[in-house]
Amino acid sequence: MAEVRLQEAEPLENALRRFKRKVQQEDIIKEVKRHSFYLKPGEKRRVKEALAQTRNRKKVRKEQS
C-alpha cells in the first residue's frame, strides 16, 4: 500500500507528486486494472500467449536492425 507522509512545511502538490510516483513504481494501477474483470483460464492463457508472441516479434525485429 502506497503511503506518503507530509513533511514539515511541504506543499500539498509536492506530496501528491511523490504519492503518484510511488503508486506508479509499485504498479498499483496495473494491478487494479488486472483485477477489475474476470478472465477465464483459457482466455488468460490466450492473452498471455499473444503478449509473448508480440514480445518475440519485437525482439526479432530489434536483433535484425
C-alpha atoms as a PDB file:
ATOM      1  CA  MET A   1       0.000   0.000   0.000  1.00  0.00           C
ATOM      2  CA  ALA A   2       1.457   3.334  -1.037  1.00  0.00           C
ATOM      3  CA  GLU A   3       1.749   5.816   1.784  1.00  0.00           C
ATOM      4  CA  VAL A   4       3.224   9.300   1.820  1.00  0.00           C
ATOM      5  CA  ARG A   5       3.551  11.438   4.924  1.00  0.00           C
ATOM      6  CA  LEU A   6       3.594  15.197   4.705  1.00  0.00           C
ATOM      7  CA  GLN A   7       6.883  16.674   5.803  1.00  0.00           C
ATOM      8  CA  GLU A   8       7.021  19.917   7.729  1.00  0.00           C
ATOM      9  CA  ALA A   9       6.156  22.958   5.611  1.00  0.00           C
ATOM     10  CA  GLU A  10       5.838  20.787   2.488  1.00  0.00           C
ATOM     11  CA  PRO A  11       3.319  21.944  -0.109  1.00  0.00           C
ATOM     12  CA  LEU A  12       0.498  19.518  -0.836  1.00  0.00           C
ATOM     13  CA  GLU A  13       1.425  19.484  -4.534  1.00  0.00           C
ATOM     14  CA  ASN A  14       4.868  18.038  -3.746  1.00  0.00           C
ATOM     15  CA  ALA A  15       3.380  15.332  -1.533  1.00  0.00           C
ATOM     16  CA  LEU A  16       0.843  14.487  -4.230  1.00  0.00           C
ATOM     17  CA  ARG A  17       3.640  14.237  -6.803  1.00  0.00           C
ATOM     18  CA  ARG A  18       5.577  11.866  -4.500  1.00  0.00           C
ATOM     19  CA  PHE A  19       2.433   9.789  -3.969  1.00  0.00           C
ATOM     20  CA  LYS A  20       1.777   9.468  -7.708  1.00  0.00           C
ATOM     21  CA  ARG A  21       5.381   8.431  -8.296  1.00  0.00           C
ATOM     22  CA  LYS A  22       5.197   5.820  -5.532  1.00  0.00           C
ATOM     23  CA  VAL A  23       1.921   4.397  -6.893  1.00  0.00           C
ATOM     24  CA  GLN A  24       3.467   4.166 -10.351  1.00  0.00           C
ATOM     25  CA  GLN A  25       6.605   2.425  -9.051  1.00  0.00           C
ATOM     26  CA  GLU A  26       4.583  -0.160  -7.131  1.00  0.00           C
ATOM     27  CA  ASP A  27       2.388  -0.916 -10.189  1.00  0.00           C
ATOM     28  CA  ILE A  28      -0.765  -0.459  -8.114  1.00  0.00           C
ATOM     29  CA  ILE A  29      -2.794   0.883 -11.027  1.00  0.00           C
ATOM     30  CA  LYS A  30      -1.761  -2.032 -13.233  1.00  0.00           C
ATOM     31  CA  GLU A  31      -2.882  -4.488 -10.531  1.00  0.00           C
ATOM     32  CA  VAL A  32      -6.235  -2.745 -10.114  1.00  0.00           C
ATOM     33  CA  LYS A  33      -6.873  -2.862 -13.848  1.00  0.00           C
ATOM     34  CA  ARG A  34      -5.872  -6.516 -13.956  1.00  0.00           C
ATOM     35  CA  HIS A  35      -8.317  -7.426 -11.183  1.00  0.00           C
ATOM     36  CA  SER A  36     -11.158  -5.219 -12.435  1.00  0.00           C
ATOM     37  CA  PHE A  37     -12.651  -8.031 -14.531  1.00  0.00           C
ATOM     38  CA  TYR A  38     -12.503 -11.822 -14.583  1.00  0.00           C
ATOM     39  CA  LEU A  39     -10.790 -13.772 -17.330  1.00  0.00           C
ATOM     40  CA  LYS A  40     -11.490 -17.437 -17.769  1.00  0.00           C
ATOM     41  CA  PRO A  41      -8.335 -19.564 -17.535  1.00  0.00           C
ATOM     42  CA  GLY A  42      -8.386 -20.261 -21.287  1.00  0.00           C
ATOM     43  CA  GLU A  43      -8.762 -16.574 -22.118  1.00  0.00           C
ATOM     44  CA  LYS A  44      -5.971 -15.713 -19.710  1.00  0.00           C
ATOM     45  CA  ARG A  45      -3.724 -18.250 -21.434  1.00  0.00           C
ATOM     46  CA  ARG A  46      -4.540 -16.836 -24.883  1.00  0.00           C
ATOM     47  CA  VAL A  47      -3.779 -13.296 -23.730  1.00  0.00           C
ATOM     48  CA  LYS A  48      -0.508 -14.441 -22.203  1.00  0.00           C
ATOM     49  CA  GLU A  49       0.494 -16.249 -25.419  1.00  0.00           C
ATOM     50  CA  ALA A  50      -0.407 -13.218 -27.536  1.00  0.00           C
ATOM     51  CA  LEU A  51       1.759 -10.979 -25.359  1.00  0.00           C
ATOM     52  CA  ALA A  52       4.631 -13.469 -25.636  1.00  0.00           C
ATOM     53  CA  GLN A  53       4.320 -13.503 -29.436  1.00  0.00           C
ATOM     54  CA  THR A  54       4.348  -9.716 -29.526  1.00  0.00           C
ATOM     55  CA  ARG A  55       7.461  -9.611 -27.350  1.00  0.00           C
ATOM     56  CA  ASN A  56       9.193 -12.214 -29.509  1.00  0.00           C
ATOM     57  CA  ARG A  57       8.362 -10.342 -32.740  1.00  0.00           C
ATOM     58  CA  LYS A  58       9.684  -7.135 -31.229  1.00  0.00           C
ATOM     59  CA  LYS A  59      12.855  -8.910 -30.069  1.00  0.00           C
ATOM     60  CA  VAL A  60      13.473 -10.388 -33.532  1.00  0.00           C
ATOM     61  CA  ARG A  61      12.864  -7.007 -35.179  1.00  0.00           C
ATOM     62  CA  LYS A  62      15.317  -5.388 -32.799  1.00  0.00           C
ATOM     63  CA  GLU A  63      18.002  -8.022 -33.431  1.00  0.00           C
ATOM     64  CA  GLN A  64      17.686  -7.594 -37.224  1.00  0.00           C
ATOM     65  CA  SER A  65      18.318  -3.868 -37.022  1.00  0.00           C
END
